[in-house]
Amino acid sequence: MTQVTQNEDVQQICDLCGSSSFETISEYDRHNKPLKTGICQGCGLVMHQPMPSEDEISTYYAKDYRRDYHGESKPSPRRIMRAWNNGQRILKQIKSFIPEKSKVFEVGAGIGCTVKSFEVDGFDASGIEPNTDFNSYTRGVLHANVENINLYDLKEDYSRDVLLLIHVIEHFVSPKRALTHMRGLIKDDGLLYIECPNVGAPFATFGRLFHFAHTYNFTHNTLINMAKVAGFEVVQTFTDTTNPDIQILFKKVTIPESIEFDKQEAKHSHDAIFRYNWFTYNLRTDYLLRRIIKLTSYAKEYMQANSFVKDLEGRFKS
């Protein structure tokens, strides 16, 4: 993993509300390595303390992310199948909001399955992905139009109808800067679809919650406020506040909204993160049921993945 220099002497400013007041809630990541995490007391946004630099993050995602976070430099059949099915879900979920033949662009396209799903359905679909590990599969096997470049290398052209951010916004050094830059990539009536983990309904126990790859952790409210200050408004929310994932469709607005931040959001984030201990988290009835369903689906994935991917790749042979 890339060594990251964190300067404790630089005063941290919240990317959302501009506050410099933080409550430190964790000193370690999910692997028990040093990683300080805090909650902004002005708006409730959860983030690394201090934040790594843009160069450090760019280097990490270009070279180490897939191997460090996913444990592989080449996508496994199971990962490909899951990515394809996820792309199909997203297509079905937001298709009715998008005019036919729209230009759809994904930032952080991963393997490229979502881009390819939209392309197959008749959309002008493309994307970018900073990591190089999966790029040969994306372009050489799926033939998905995904370039290996950085977001900030893209010039403002206001040409795209829809932007997709699928579990990406939590990785930026400055989500506000990223979203503001994206406004220049889409048309004035363009759409932005975001998915990310919901720290308000923790997707893991406390000891497994934080890791270097996720520089930020959002609740529904902090994500919506981040989008608002960058110039987007909510069109449709697809998950409620109890779901471990946040899925929201936004629309670009002419003038970014002025936000009055609620300091109670800090308490909301804190209470959500510390709501459970190991026993109460894992022994919840709804969690046990979801876990059984998930483990069953994993077993099916392992049995079906090789044949699924063989058939999928056969569809796109040139």
C-alpha atoms as a PDB file:
ATOM      1  CA  MET A   1       0.000   0.000   0.000  1.00  0.00           C
ATOM      2  CA  THR A   2       1.148   3.548  -0.745  1.00  0.00           C
ATOM      3  CA  GLN A   3       2.656   5.336   2.217  1.00  0.00           C
ATOM      4  CA  VAL A   4       0.595   8.422   3.019  1.00  0.00           C
ATOM      5  CA  THR A   5       1.979  11.458   4.774  1.00  0.00           C
ATOM      6  CA  GLN A   6      -0.561  13.093   7.070  1.00  0.00           C
ATOM      7  CA  ASN A   7       0.433  16.528   8.334  1.00  0.00           C
ATOM      8  CA  GLU A   8      -1.038  16.910  11.809  1.00  0.00           C
ATOM      9  CA  ASP A   9       0.032  20.572  11.971  1.00  0.00           C
ATOM     10  CA  VAL A  10      -2.270  21.702   9.128  1.00  0.00           C
ATOM     11  CA  GLN A  11      -5.689  22.799  10.371  1.00  0.00           C
ATOM     12  CA  GLN A  12      -8.374  20.727   8.696  1.00  0.00           C
ATOM     13  CA  ILE A  13     -11.389  22.459   7.186  1.00  0.00           C
ATOM     14  CA  CYS A  14     -14.600  20.550   6.503  1.00  0.00           C
ATOM     15  CA  ASP A  15     -15.192  20.122   2.790  1.00  0.00           C
ATOM     16  CA  LEU A  16     -18.937  20.596   3.245  1.00  0.00           C
ATOM     17  CA  CYS A  17     -19.528  23.396   5.775  1.00  0.00           C
ATOM     18  CA  GLY A  18     -16.069  24.922   6.313  1.00  0.00           C
ATOM     19  CA  SER A  19     -15.932  24.199  10.045  1.00  0.00           C
ATOM     20  CA  SER A  20     -12.631  23.333  11.728  1.00  0.00           C
ATOM     21  CA  SER A  21     -14.220  21.620  14.737  1.00  0.00           C
ATOM     22  CA  PHE A  22     -14.049  17.812  14.729  1.00  0.00           C
ATOM     23  CA  GLU A  23     -14.706  14.947  17.117  1.00  0.00           C
ATOM     24  CA  THR A  24     -12.223  12.130  16.629  1.00  0.00           C
ATOM     25  CA  ILE A  25     -14.069   8.810  16.803  1.00  0.00           C
ATOM     26  CA  SER A  26     -11.475   6.276  15.640  1.00  0.00           C
ATOM     27  CA  GLU A  27      -7.682   5.982  15.529  1.00  0.00           C
ATOM     28  CA  TYR A  28      -7.458   2.790  13.445  1.00  0.00           C
ATOM     29  CA  ASP A  29      -8.734   1.266  10.206  1.00  0.00           C
ATOM     30  CA  ARG A  30     -10.402  -2.111   9.691  1.00  0.00           C
ATOM     31  CA  HIS A  31      -6.984  -3.821   9.689  1.00  0.00           C
ATOM     32  CA  ASN A  32      -5.960  -2.146  12.963  1.00  0.00           C
ATOM     33  CA  LYS A  33      -3.525   0.158  11.148  1.00  0.00           C
ATOM     34  CA  PRO A  34      -3.326   3.832  12.204  1.00  0.00           C
ATOM     35  CA  LEU A  35      -6.080   5.889  10.545  1.00  0.00           C
ATOM     36  CA  LYS A  36      -7.788   8.760  12.323  1.00  0.00           C
ATOM     37  CA  THR A  37     -11.458   9.381  11.550  1.00  0.00           C
ATOM     38  CA  GLY A  38     -13.527  12.318  12.754  1.00  0.00           C
ATOM     39  CA  ILE A  39     -16.985  13.881  12.586  1.00  0.00           C
ATOM     40  CA  CYS A  40     -17.377  17.538  11.642  1.00  0.00           C
ATOM     41  CA  GLN A  41     -19.252  19.261  14.455  1.00  0.00           C
ATOM     42  CA  GLY A  42     -20.737  21.797  12.043  1.00  0.00           C
ATOM     43  CA  CYS A  43     -22.544  19.443   9.650  1.00  0.00           C
ATOM     44  CA  GLY A  44     -21.982  15.782  10.630  1.00  0.00           C
ATOM     45  CA  LEU A  45     -19.716  14.810   7.723  1.00  0.00           C
ATOM     46  CA  VAL A  46     -17.399  11.891   8.613  1.00  0.00           C
ATOM     47  CA  MET A  47     -13.871  11.958   7.166  1.00  0.00           C
ATOM     48  CA  HIS A  48     -10.176  11.172   7.535  1.00  0.00           C
ATOM     49  CA  GLN A  49      -8.181  13.397   9.899  1.00  0.00           C
ATOM     50  CA  PRO A  50      -6.159  14.871   8.317  1.00  0.00           C
ATOM     51  CA  MET A  51      -7.049  14.388   4.649  1.00  0.00           C
ATOM     52  CA  PRO A  52      -4.393  12.910   2.313  1.00  0.00           C
ATOM     53  CA  SER A  53      -3.250  15.093  -0.570  1.00  0.00           C
ATOM     54  CA  GLU A  54      -4.603  14.860  -4.129  1.00  0.00           C
ATOM     55  CA  ASP A  55      -1.263  13.439  -5.323  1.00  0.00           C
ATOM     56  CA  GLU A  56      -1.239  10.729  -2.660  1.00  0.00           C
ATOM     57  CA  ILE A  57      -4.806   9.686  -3.427  1.00  0.00           C
ATOM     58  CA  SER A  58      -4.197   9.725  -7.201  1.00  0.00           C
ATOM     59  CA  THR A  59      -1.118   7.529  -6.823  1.00  0.00           C
ATOM     60  CA  TYR A  60      -2.946   5.133  -4.523  1.00  0.00           C
ATOM     61  CA  TYR A  61      -5.895   4.634  -6.870  1.00  0.00           C
ATOM     62  CA  ALA A  62      -3.746   4.364  -9.971  1.00  0.00           C
ATOM     63  CA  LYS A  63      -1.442   1.674  -8.580  1.00  0.00           C
ATOM     64  CA  ASP A  64      -2.580   0.056  -5.332  1.00  0.00           C
ATOM     65  CA  TYR A  65      -6.333   0.341  -4.859  1.00  0.00           C
ATOM     66  CA  ARG A  66      -7.564  -2.862  -6.507  1.00  0.00           C
ATOM     67  CA  ARG A  67      -4.907  -5.065  -4.928  1.00  0.00           C
ATOM     68  CA  ASP A  68      -5.140  -3.386  -1.521  1.00  0.00           C
ATOM     69  CA  TYR A  69      -8.931  -3.171  -1.272  1.00  0.00           C
ATOM     70  CA  HIS A  70     -10.147  -6.044  -3.480  1.00  0.00           C
ATOM     71  CA  GLY A  71      -7.127  -8.328  -3.301  1.00  0.00           C
ATOM     72  CA  GLU A  72      -6.832  -8.780  -7.066  1.00  0.00           C
ATOM     73  CA  SER A  73      -5.303  -7.036 -10.057  1.00  0.00           C
ATOM     74  CA  LYS A  74      -7.384  -8.970 -12.586  1.00  0.00           C
ATOM     75  CA  PRO A  75     -11.168  -9.151 -12.117  1.00  0.00           C
ATOM     76  CA  SER A  76     -12.374 -12.573 -11.023  1.00  0.00           C
ATOM     77  CA  PRO A  77     -15.417 -14.163 -12.729  1.00  0.00           C
ATOM     78  CA  ARG A  78     -17.486 -13.588  -9.594  1.00  0.00           C
ATOM     79  CA  ARG A  79     -16.551  -9.885  -9.508  1.00  0.00           C
ATOM     80  CA  ILE A  80     -17.384  -9.504 -13.184  1.00  0.00           C
ATOM     81  CA  MET A  81     -20.772 -11.175 -12.749  1.00  0.00           C
ATOM     82  CA  ARG A  82     -21.627  -9.014  -9.747  1.00  0.00           C
ATOM     83  CA  ALA A  83     -20.531  -5.861 -11.582  1.00  0.00           C
ATOM     84  CA  TRP A  84     -22.637  -6.761 -14.630  1.00  0.00           C
ATOM     85  CA  ASN A  85     -25.729  -7.499 -12.545  1.00  0.00           C
ATOM     86  CA  ASN A  86     -25.206  -4.271 -10.631  1.00  0.00           C
ATOM     87  CA  GLY A  87     -24.950  -2.329 -13.891  1.00  0.00           C
ATOM     88  CA  GLN A  88     -28.190  -3.889 -15.066  1.00  0.00           C
ATOM     89  CA  ARG A  89     -29.878  -2.904 -11.800  1.00  0.00           C
ATOM     90  CA  ILE A  90     -28.761   0.708 -12.110  1.00  0.00           C
ATOM     91  CA  LEU A  91     -29.868   0.851 -15.754  1.00  0.00           C
ATOM     92  CA  LYS A  92     -33.325  -0.441 -14.826  1.00  0.00           C
ATOM     93  CA  GLN A  93     -33.533   1.885 -11.821  1.00  0.00           C
ATOM     94  CA  ILE A  94     -32.892   5.181 -13.603  1.00  0.00           C
ATOM     95  CA  LYS A  95     -33.748   4.427 -17.246  1.00  0.00           C
ATOM     96  CA  SER A  96     -37.210   5.999 -17.056  1.00  0.00           C
ATOM     97  CA  PHE A  97     -35.641   9.343 -16.057  1.00  0.00           C
ATOM     98  CA  ILE A  98     -33.288   9.473 -19.060  1.00  0.00           C
ATOM     99  CA  PRO A  99     -34.226  10.410 -22.646  1.00  0.00           C
ATOM    100  CA  GLU A 100     -33.407   7.815 -25.296  1.00  0.00           C
ATOM    101  CA  LYS A 101     -29.892   7.877 -26.784  1.00  0.00           C
ATOM    102  CA  SER A 102     -28.650  10.187 -24.018  1.00  0.00           C
ATOM    103  CA  LYS A 103     -24.921  10.587 -23.440  1.00  0.00           C
ATOM    104  CA  VAL A 104     -24.192   8.691 -20.208  1.00  0.00           C
ATOM    105  CA  PHE A 105     -20.797   9.097 -18.562  1.00  0.00           C
ATOM    106  CA  GLU A 106     -19.448   7.179 -15.555  1.00  0.00           C
ATOM    107  CA  VAL A 107     -16.716   8.576 -13.324  1.00  0.00           C
ATOM    108  CA  GLY A 108     -14.831   5.684 -11.714  1.00  0.00           C
ATOM    109  CA  ALA A 109     -16.151   3.025 -14.082  1.00  0.00           C
ATOM    110  CA  GLY A 110     -14.286   0.095 -12.521  1.00  0.00           C
ATOM    111  CA  ILE A 111     -14.497  -2.990 -14.745  1.00  0.00           C
ATOM    112  CA  GLY A 112     -16.770  -1.130 -17.163  1.00  0.00           C
ATOM    113  CA  CYS A 113     -19.892  -3.266 -16.784  1.00  0.00           C
ATOM    114  CA  THR A 114     -22.225  -0.357 -16.054  1.00  0.00           C
ATOM    115  CA  VAL A 115     -20.936   1.618 -19.048  1.00  0.00           C
ATOM    116  CA  LYS A 116     -21.399  -1.461 -21.235  1.00  0.00           C
ATOM    117  CA  SER A 117     -24.897  -2.087 -19.854  1.00  0.00           C
ATOM    118  CA  PHE A 118     -26.015   1.391 -20.878  1.00  0.00           C
ATOM    119  CA  GLU A 119     -24.287   1.068 -24.267  1.00  0.00           C
ATOM    120  CA  VAL A 120     -26.035  -2.231 -25.036  1.00  0.00           C
ATOM    121  CA  ASP A 121     -29.363  -0.600 -24.175  1.00  0.00           C
ATOM    122  CA  GLY A 122     -28.831   2.083 -26.823  1.00  0.00           C
ATOM    123  CA  PHE A 123     -27.239   4.913 -24.852  1.00  0.00           C
ATOM    124  CA  ASP A 124     -24.061   6.738 -25.882  1.00  0.00           C
ATOM    125  CA  ALA A 125     -22.112   5.441 -22.892  1.00  0.00           C
ATOM    126  CA  SER A 126     -18.515   6.040 -21.856  1.00  0.00           C
ATOM    127  CA  GLY A 127     -16.461   6.652 -18.736  1.00  0.00           C
ATOM    128  CA  ILE A 128     -13.130   7.052 -16.999  1.00  0.00           C
ATOM    129  CA  GLU A 129     -11.302   4.896 -14.456  1.00  0.00           C
ATOM    130  CA  PRO A 130      -8.050   5.957 -12.722  1.00  0.00           C
ATOM    131  CA  ASN A 131      -6.884   2.450 -11.804  1.00  0.00           C
ATOM    132  CA  THR A 132      -4.910   0.555 -14.449  1.00  0.00           C
ATOM    133  CA  ASP A 133      -5.369  -3.011 -13.174  1.00  0.00           C
ATOM    134  CA  PHE A 134      -8.745  -3.748 -14.788  1.00  0.00           C
ATOM    135  CA  ASN A 135      -8.238  -1.554 -17.860  1.00  0.00           C
ATOM    136  CA  SER A 136      -7.074  -4.326 -20.187  1.00  0.00           C
ATOM    137  CA  TYR A 137     -10.196  -6.355 -19.416  1.00  0.00           C
ATOM    138  CA  THR A 138     -12.479  -3.339 -19.755  1.00  0.00           C
ATOM    139  CA  ARG A 139     -11.226  -2.339 -23.177  1.00  0.00           C
ATOM    140  CA  GLY A 140      -9.875  -5.630 -24.508  1.00  0.00           C
ATOM    141  CA  VAL A 141     -12.706  -7.982 -23.520  1.00  0.00           C
ATOM    142  CA  LEU A 142     -15.832  -5.924 -22.834  1.00  0.00           C
ATOM    143  CA  HIS A 143     -14.839  -3.312 -25.428  1.00  0.00           C
ATOM    144  CA  ALA A 144     -16.317  -0.673 -23.128  1.00  0.00           C
ATOM    145  CA  ASN A 145     -15.435   2.945 -23.870  1.00  0.00           C
ATOM    146  CA  VAL A 146     -13.561   3.671 -20.638  1.00  0.00           C
ATOM    147  CA  GLU A 147     -10.415   5.798 -20.611  1.00  0.00           C
ATOM    148  CA  ASN A 148      -7.689   5.583 -17.990  1.00  0.00           C
ATOM    149  CA  ILE A 149      -7.552   9.281 -17.069  1.00  0.00           C
ATOM    150  CA  ASN A 150      -8.229  11.528 -14.083  1.00  0.00           C
ATOM    151  CA  LEU A 151     -11.477  13.458 -13.592  1.00  0.00           C
ATOM    152  CA  TYR A 152      -9.718  16.808 -13.444  1.00  0.00           C
ATOM    153  CA  ASP A 153      -8.081  16.205 -16.833  1.00  0.00           C
ATOM    154  CA  LEU A 154     -11.538  16.522 -18.421  1.00  0.00           C
ATOM    155  CA  LYS A 155     -12.353  19.974 -19.759  1.00  0.00           C
ATOM    156  CA  GLU A 156     -15.702  21.692 -19.245  1.00  0.00           C
ATOM    157  CA  ASP A 157     -17.831  21.085 -22.320  1.00  0.00           C
ATOM    158  CA  TYR A 158     -21.397  20.770 -20.956  1.00  0.00           C
ATOM    159  CA  SER A 159     -21.978  17.880 -23.367  1.00  0.00           C
ATOM    160  CA  ARG A 160     -23.247  14.948 -21.309  1.00  0.00           C
ATOM    161  CA  ASP A 161     -26.813  14.188 -20.275  1.00  0.00           C
ATOM    162  CA  VAL A 162     -26.120  11.903 -17.316  1.00  0.00           C
ATOM    163  CA  LEU A 163     -23.191  11.327 -14.959  1.00  0.00           C
ATOM    164  CA  LEU A 164     -22.861   8.201 -12.811  1.00  0.00           C
ATOM    165  CA  LEU A 165     -20.926   7.992  -9.538  1.00  0.00           C
ATOM    166  CA  ILE A 166     -21.212   4.420  -8.273  1.00  0.00           C
ATOM    167  CA  HIS A 167     -19.389   4.077  -4.946  1.00  0.00           C
ATOM    168  CA  VAL A 168     -16.938   6.780  -5.967  1.00  0.00           C
ATOM    169  CA  ILE A 169     -17.834   9.986  -4.126  1.00  0.00           C
ATOM    170  CA  GLU A 170     -16.535   8.545  -0.847  1.00  0.00           C
ATOM    171  CA  HIS A 171     -13.047   8.283  -2.401  1.00  0.00           C
ATOM    172  CA  PHE A 172     -12.380  11.932  -3.299  1.00  0.00           C
ATOM    173  CA  VAL A 173     -10.104  14.273  -1.354  1.00  0.00           C
ATOM    174  CA  SER A 174     -12.747  16.964  -1.927  1.00  0.00           C
ATOM    175  CA  PRO A 175     -16.203  15.731  -2.979  1.00  0.00           C
ATOM    176  CA  LYS A 176     -17.305  19.361  -3.333  1.00  0.00           C
ATOM    177  CA  ARG A 177     -14.514  20.118  -5.788  1.00  0.00           C
ATOM    178  CA  ALA A 178     -15.254  16.914  -7.726  1.00  0.00           C
ATOM    179  CA  LEU A 179     -18.993  17.595  -7.966  1.00  0.00           C
ATOM    180  CA  THR A 180     -18.403  21.221  -8.901  1.00  0.00           C
ATOM    181  CA  HIS A 181     -16.053  20.094 -11.683  1.00  0.00           C
ATOM    182  CA  MET A 182     -18.673  17.613 -12.882  1.00  0.00           C
ATOM    183  CA  ARG A 183     -21.222  20.407 -13.318  1.00  0.00           C
ATOM    184  CA  GLY A 184     -19.058  21.573 -16.214  1.00  0.00           C
ATOM    185  CA  LEU A 185     -19.222  18.164 -17.872  1.00  0.00           C
ATOM    186  CA  ILE A 186     -23.007  17.924 -18.163  1.00  0.00           C
ATOM    187  CA  LYS A 187     -25.778  19.931 -19.778  1.00  0.00           C
ATOM    188  CA  ASP A 188     -27.761  22.517 -17.837  1.00  0.00           C
ATOM    189  CA  ASP A 189     -30.633  20.058 -17.361  1.00  0.00           C
ATOM    190  CA  GLY A 190     -28.305  17.098 -16.821  1.00  0.00           C
ATOM    191  CA  LEU A 191     -28.678  14.361 -14.240  1.00  0.00           C
ATOM    192  CA  LEU A 192     -26.242  12.976 -11.670  1.00  0.00           C
ATOM    193  CA  TYR A 193     -26.784   9.550 -10.109  1.00  0.00           C
ATOM    194  CA  ILE A 194     -24.847   8.750  -6.917  1.00  0.00           C
ATOM    195  CA  GLU A 195     -24.488   5.556  -4.904  1.00  0.00           C
ATOM    196  CA  CYS A 196     -22.339   5.282  -1.788  1.00  0.00           C
ATOM    197  CA  PRO A 197     -22.268   3.530   1.605  1.00  0.00           C
ATOM    198  CA  ASN A 198     -24.606   4.911   4.260  1.00  0.00           C
ATOM    199  CA  VAL A 199     -22.792   5.485   7.551  1.00  0.00           C
ATOM    200  CA  GLY A 200     -26.214   6.276   9.039  1.00  0.00           C
ATOM    201  CA  ALA A 201     -27.026   2.571   8.626  1.00  0.00           C
ATOM    202  CA  PRO A 202     -23.542   1.081   9.071  1.00  0.00           C
ATOM    203  CA  PHE A 203     -22.649  -1.602   6.544  1.00  0.00           C
ATOM    204  CA  ALA A 204     -20.177  -3.158   9.001  1.00  0.00           C
ATOM    205  CA  THR A 205     -19.436  -3.315  12.705  1.00  0.00           C
ATOM    206  CA  PHE A 206     -17.445  -0.397  14.114  1.00  0.00           C
ATOM    207  CA  GLY A 207     -14.121  -2.217  13.967  1.00  0.00           C
ATOM    208  CA  ARG A 208     -14.635  -2.951  10.243  1.00  0.00           C
ATOM    209  CA  LEU A 209     -16.090   0.398   9.254  1.00  0.00           C
ATOM    210  CA  PHE A 210     -13.135   2.605   8.337  1.00  0.00           C
ATOM    211  CA  HIS A 211     -10.374   2.144   5.790  1.00  0.00           C
ATOM    212  CA  PHE A 212      -8.037   4.327   3.761  1.00  0.00           C
ATOM    213  CA  ALA A 213      -9.949   3.889   0.497  1.00  0.00           C
ATOM    214  CA  HIS A 214     -12.989   5.697   1.931  1.00  0.00           C
ATOM    215  CA  THR A 215     -11.854   9.225   2.726  1.00  0.00           C
ATOM    216  CA  TYR A 216     -15.452  10.220   3.546  1.00  0.00           C
ATOM    217  CA  ASN A 217     -18.488   8.498   5.045  1.00  0.00           C
ATOM    218  CA  PHE A 218     -21.911   9.954   4.231  1.00  0.00           C
ATOM    219  CA  THR A 219     -25.410   9.922   5.659  1.00  0.00           C
ATOM    220  CA  HIS A 220     -28.388  10.756   3.434  1.00  0.00           C
ATOM    221  CA  ASN A 221     -28.374  14.318   4.728  1.00  0.00           C
ATOM    222  CA  THR A 222     -24.655  14.990   4.344  1.00  0.00           C
ATOM    223  CA  LEU A 223     -24.665  13.570   0.804  1.00  0.00           C
ATOM    224  CA  ILE A 224     -27.695  15.640  -0.200  1.00  0.00           C
ATOM    225  CA  ASN A 225     -26.148  18.773   1.309  1.00  0.00           C
ATOM    226  CA  MET A 226     -22.855  18.106  -0.480  1.00  0.00           C
ATOM    227  CA  ALA A 227     -24.692  17.829  -3.793  1.00  0.00           C
ATOM    228  CA  LYS A 228     -26.704  20.970  -3.080  1.00  0.00           C
ATOM    229  CA  VAL A 229     -23.694  23.180  -2.378  1.00  0.00           C
ATOM    230  CA  ALA A 230     -22.123  21.915  -5.626  1.00  0.00           C
ATOM    231  CA  GLY A 231     -25.198  22.820  -7.654  1.00  0.00           C
ATOM    232  CA  PHE A 232     -27.520  19.801  -7.728  1.00  0.00           C
ATOM    233  CA  GLU A 233     -31.010  19.092  -6.369  1.00  0.00           C
ATOM    234  CA  VAL A 234     -32.709  15.790  -5.525  1.00  0.00           C
ATOM    235  CA  VAL A 235     -34.901  14.236  -8.215  1.00  0.00           C
ATOM    236  CA  GLN A 236     -35.477  10.801  -6.700  1.00  0.00           C
ATOM    237  CA  THR A 237     -34.243   8.885  -3.651  1.00  0.00           C
ATOM    238  CA  PHE A 238     -34.251   5.118  -4.174  1.00  0.00           C
ATOM    239  CA  THR A 239     -33.242   3.906  -0.691  1.00  0.00           C
ATOM    240  CA  ASP A 240     -34.393   4.920   2.771  1.00  0.00           C
ATOM    241  CA  THR A 241     -32.200   5.915   5.708  1.00  0.00           C
ATOM    242  CA  THR A 242     -32.114   2.329   7.065  1.00  0.00           C
ATOM    243  CA  ASN A 243     -30.479   0.911   3.936  1.00  0.00           C
ATOM    244  CA  PRO A 244     -26.679   0.360   4.060  1.00  0.00           C
ATOM    245  CA  ASP A 245     -26.447   2.039   0.650  1.00  0.00           C
ATOM    246  CA  ILE A 246     -27.512   5.528  -0.439  1.00  0.00           C
ATOM    247  CA  GLN A 247     -28.914   5.747  -3.981  1.00  0.00           C
ATOM    248  CA  ILE A 248     -30.038   9.188  -5.165  1.00  0.00           C
ATOM    249  CA  LEU A 249     -30.670  10.814  -8.551  1.00  0.00           C
ATOM    250  CA  PHE A 250     -29.890  14.543  -8.709  1.00  0.00           C
ATOM    251  CA  LYS A 251     -30.428  17.263 -11.304  1.00  0.00           C
ATOM    252  CA  LYS A 252     -28.098  20.133 -12.134  1.00  0.00           C
ATOM    253  CA  VAL A 253     -29.411  23.557 -11.115  1.00  0.00           C
ATOM    254  CA  THR A 254     -28.399  26.994 -12.363  1.00  0.00           C
ATOM    255  CA  ILE A 255     -27.422  28.436  -8.985  1.00  0.00           C
ATOM    256  CA  PRO A 256     -26.022  26.268  -6.147  1.00  0.00           C
ATOM    257  CA  GLU A 257     -28.228  26.321  -3.061  1.00  0.00           C
ATOM    258  CA  SER A 258     -27.197  28.154   0.090  1.00  0.00           C
ATOM    259  CA  ILE A 259     -27.317  25.683   2.983  1.00  0.00           C
ATOM    260  CA  GLU A 260     -27.990  26.371   6.653  1.00  0.00           C
ATOM    261  CA  PHE A 261     -26.239  23.479   8.354  1.00  0.00           C
ATOM    262  CA  ASP A 262     -27.768  21.727  11.342  1.00  0.00           C
ATOM    263  CA  LYS A 263     -25.245  20.938  14.080  1.00  0.00           C
ATOM    264  CA  GLN A 264     -27.508  18.110  15.226  1.00  0.00           C
ATOM    265  CA  GLU A 265     -26.253  16.188  12.191  1.00  0.00           C
ATOM    266  CA  ALA A 266     -22.997  15.605  14.081  1.00  0.00           C
ATOM    267  CA  LYS A 267     -24.931  13.863  16.851  1.00  0.00           C
ATOM    268  CA  HIS A 268     -26.921  11.919  14.259  1.00  0.00           C
ATOM    269  CA  SER A 269     -23.729  10.632  12.618  1.00  0.00           C
ATOM    270  CA  HIS A 270     -22.139   9.815  15.982  1.00  0.00           C
ATOM    271  CA  ASP A 271     -25.202   7.966  17.303  1.00  0.00           C
ATOM    272  CA  ALA A 272     -25.571   5.975  14.084  1.00  0.00           C
ATOM    273  CA  ILE A 273     -21.951   4.829  14.112  1.00  0.00           C
ATOM    274  CA  PHE A 274     -22.052   3.812  17.776  1.00  0.00           C
ATOM    275  CA  ARG A 275     -25.590   2.422  17.726  1.00  0.00           C
ATOM    276  CA  TYR A 276     -24.420  -1.189  17.941  1.00  0.00           C
ATOM    277  CA  ASN A 277     -21.676  -3.246  19.506  1.00  0.00           C
ATOM    278  CA  TRP A 278     -20.467  -6.466  17.889  1.00  0.00           C
ATOM    279  CA  PHE A 279     -23.211  -8.594  19.450  1.00  0.00           C
ATOM    280  CA  THR A 280     -26.152  -6.259  18.904  1.00  0.00           C
ATOM    281  CA  TYR A 281     -25.061  -5.606  15.308  1.00  0.00           C
ATOM    282  CA  ASN A 282     -24.670  -9.238  14.304  1.00  0.00           C
ATOM    283  CA  LEU A 283     -27.665 -10.598  16.243  1.00  0.00           C
ATOM    284  CA  ARG A 284     -30.286  -8.277  14.710  1.00  0.00           C
ATOM    285  CA  THR A 285     -33.093 -10.292  13.119  1.00  0.00           C
ATOM    286  CA  ASP A 286     -33.105  -8.249   9.901  1.00  0.00           C
ATOM    287  CA  TYR A 287     -29.314  -8.503   9.661  1.00  0.00           C
ATOM    288  CA  LEU A 288     -29.359 -12.280  10.114  1.00  0.00           C
ATOM    289  CA  LEU A 289     -32.006 -12.654   7.412  1.00  0.00           C
ATOM    290  CA  ARG A 290     -30.072 -10.408   5.014  1.00  0.00           C
ATOM    291  CA  ARG A 291     -26.884 -12.311   5.833  1.00  0.00           C
ATOM    292  CA  ILE A 292     -28.490 -15.657   5.035  1.00  0.00           C
ATOM    293  CA  ILE A 293     -29.780 -14.283   1.730  1.00  0.00           C
ATOM    294  CA  LYS A 294     -26.374 -12.797   0.925  1.00  0.00           C
ATOM    295  CA  LEU A 295     -24.464 -15.990   1.749  1.00  0.00           C
ATOM    296  CA  THR A 296     -26.906 -17.958  -0.387  1.00  0.00           C
ATOM    297  CA  SER A 297     -26.365 -15.558  -3.254  1.00  0.00           C
ATOM    298  CA  TYR A 298     -22.588 -15.845  -2.790  1.00  0.00           C
ATOM    299  CA  ALA A 299     -22.827 -19.626  -3.104  1.00  0.00           C
ATOM    300  CA  LYS A 300     -24.823 -19.258  -6.327  1.00  0.00           C
ATOM    301  CA  GLU A 301     -22.325 -16.721  -7.626  1.00  0.00           C
ATOM    302  CA  TYR A 302     -19.392 -19.068  -7.092  1.00  0.00           C
ATOM    303  CA  MET A 303     -21.228 -21.870  -8.899  1.00  0.00           C
ATOM    304  CA  GLN A 304     -22.483 -19.731 -11.790  1.00  0.00           C
ATOM    305  CA  ALA A 305     -19.743 -17.135 -12.271  1.00  0.00           C
ATOM    306  CA  ASN A 306     -17.494 -18.989 -14.731  1.00  0.00           C
ATOM    307  CA  SER A 307     -20.288 -19.939 -17.139  1.00  0.00           C
ATOM    308  CA  PHE A 308     -21.933 -16.505 -16.764  1.00  0.00           C
ATOM    309  CA  VAL A 309     -18.731 -14.661 -17.659  1.00  0.00           C
ATOM    310  CA  LYS A 310     -17.986 -17.042 -20.537  1.00  0.00           C
ATOM    311  CA  ASP A 311     -21.393 -16.282 -22.033  1.00  0.00           C
ATOM    312  CA  LEU A 312     -21.011 -12.550 -21.358  1.00  0.00           C
ATOM    313  CA  GLU A 313     -17.602 -12.371 -23.001  1.00  0.00           C
ATOM    314  CA  GLY A 314     -18.942 -14.304 -25.968  1.00  0.00           C
ATOM    315  CA  ARG A 315     -21.458 -11.520 -26.595  1.00  0.00           C
ATOM    316  CA  PHE A 316     -18.725  -8.940 -27.078  1.00  0.00           C
ATOM    317  CA  LYS A 317     -16.125 -10.806 -29.099  1.00  0.00           C
ATOM    318  CA  SER A 318     -15.036  -8.666 -32.036  1.00  0.00           C
END
